[in-house]
Amino acid sequence: MGKSKKYLLSLKLNQKLTLLIILTIGIPMLILSILFFRSIKESKIKDRIKNIEVDFTQNYAQIQKTVEMCSLSTQIVINSHNFWNELNRFCKEEKTDTEELLDFYHNDIKAFEKLVNSNPYLYQIRIYVDSKDMQEMMPVLYRKERMKNLSWARNGKYKSGWYFDYEDTIFPLHVMKPENHIVSLITKVEKEISATIEIATKMDTLFPSIYSSNEEDWTCFIDETGYYYYNTHYYSRWLKSTDKILKEMPENLDTGYTKQMKIDGIPVIICYKPMKEFGGHLLRIVSLEKDFATVNQQQNSFWIIFICIVVLLIFLTNQMLAIILRQFYITIANIRHVQNGDLSVRIPIKTNDEIGELGAQINTMLDRISELMEESIKREILVKDSEIRALQNQINAHFIYNVLESIKMMAEIEEKYSISDAVTSLGKLLRYSMKWVAKNVTVEEEIDYIKNYLALINLRFDNEIYLSLNIPDRVYEQEIPKMSLQPIIENAIYHGIEGMTEDTNIYIKGVIHGHYCTIEITDAGRGMTEEEVENLKRKIDGVIETSGSSGNGIGLKNVQDRIKISFGDEYGIGISSKLGCYTKVIVKIPFV
């Protein structure tokens, strides 16, 4: 709690306001979204249950229709008095006229065939007669011993009722392929002759839902003995749970039962219907896993969109608050500049609200402070001027210049013109060095200083150092920090040229490159290896610390620092060299 509070207090004002707005809007939206999806889920499940109940009722009605058709067909056969009379006569007479048999077949047997062919719910009508002399008339009339080929009558202990899921093996397998999954209504008839009526239909006709089962929807029929009938070609994960489901059902369910529950953690709908005609039950299990997954997927999609909207809302709100509070942040930024010692800043007034009024009052305060400081500075300048005048009275630079002029005149009188020229160069050198300037000097002034410097340097050496210049007039006019080229010339002499026994050149070239120009200073001296150049560059850039000893690059680093301070980090010096050939220093300055 303490860390959360500390974090909230550390946020900027616009961030705090953004957080407050998002919480005010987001929390109610979050609650409403949860309630909305809960309602959708419940509604979807209710609709799903309703559809399953309707479908289950339709399947039950299909079963009832098929049962009624089988029962009606049985009654039609039983009530066919002409059929039974003719059948009784044919069984009792030893000799039967062929013409009468044909009439019996075309009139009575064909009528039963037409009944089967015209009714899609029926598979077969068969009548088994207890007579060894009776002529069989397929596919309707058979002798009783033929019935023993069927599984429900093999042991002879059959009774009237329904028999489920058997193969039609009335004929041997080599005669015809048996039809699987047959269900029949068996009725024993005791008239003048003993007979058994078999009204057969197919299991998938009687129970279509059983054979259309899949991973999500499974149906089975449980007969009065507790035997399960289901699609054996499809393994169901629900089969092992049916006993548990039936035990948990309430007793005396005469009208059916629908319930939502979980099996092994999977939500399902259980539909149960007692089948009084068969003495069994119809059970259907429908998985709601995909329905829940669909709702969850929709919910996840909504949350992704919701989060994106919230993020966008946070961004837009933060931007709008930043615009509203821009005057406030401008005021704070300028106050920070004042805190760092810059009293020249003034707060631009963008609004007329309370924050804008605060900025105006701060500007008034800064104006007053500037006036007071300006007065204080003027007093300090007066004091310093007095001190400088006192020093000038003690040591007057003009005295030195006058002495040098006297020496020059004496040398000329004695016709020592080389001494006269040297004194002239020294005078100019001292005048340039001792001249105080507030700003930078021109490249032309710096080059003149270098000429005088080289004139004095050549007095020390037996060989001559020549200065070659290739500088455009516009480069001469550019400004450069005072004494920034001379240290480079000095380095070229002492580290590249000194010790050579022949005349040499120092070449200075000026090049204009758009918004900047370069001054290239090249000496034909000893040069450096690549390792020495790289090491010197690191010293100039401050990567390697330099000391005050000679030859360690401190002079070039000072030039680099002064150029960057005057013009910015994009300007400065670069170095290239080849051992035994040359060393080139490139000075980059802005072109105005």
Foldseek 3Di string as FASTA:
>chain_A
DVVVVVVLVPDDPLLNVLVVVCCVPVVVVVVVLVVVLVVVLVVLVVVVLVVVVVVVVVLVVLLVVLVVLQVVLVVVVVPPVVLVVLQLVQQPDPDDDPVVVVVSCVPPVVVQVVSQVVDQSFDDKEKEFCGPPDDADPPHYHHNVLVCQWPQCVVPPHAFAKDWWTWQPSDPCVVDPIDTTKMWGWHWDDDSTTMIITTIGGNCSNRVQQVVDDAFKHKWKAFQVRDIDHDPVDDYPCVVVPVVVVVPDDPPPAAWDWDWDDDPNWIWIWTKHQDVRRRIIMIMIGTCRVVVVVSVVVSVVVVVVVVVVSVVSSVVSSVVVCVVCVLVVLLVVVVVVVVVPDLPDARDQDDDDPSSVVSVVVRVVSVVVVVVVVVVVVVVVVVVVVVVVVVCVVPPPVVVLVVLVVVLVVCVVVPVNLVNLLSVLVSLLVCLVPDDDPDFDFQLSQVSNLVSVQSNVQVVDPEHEAEAEAEDPLNRGDTAHHPLVVVVVVCCCPVFPPPDPYYWYWYWHWADDVFKIKIKTKTFGQWDDPVVQVQLVCCLVVVDDDDDDPPNNPSQNVSQVVQCVRAHDVWGWHWDTDGNGMIMIMGMHTRD
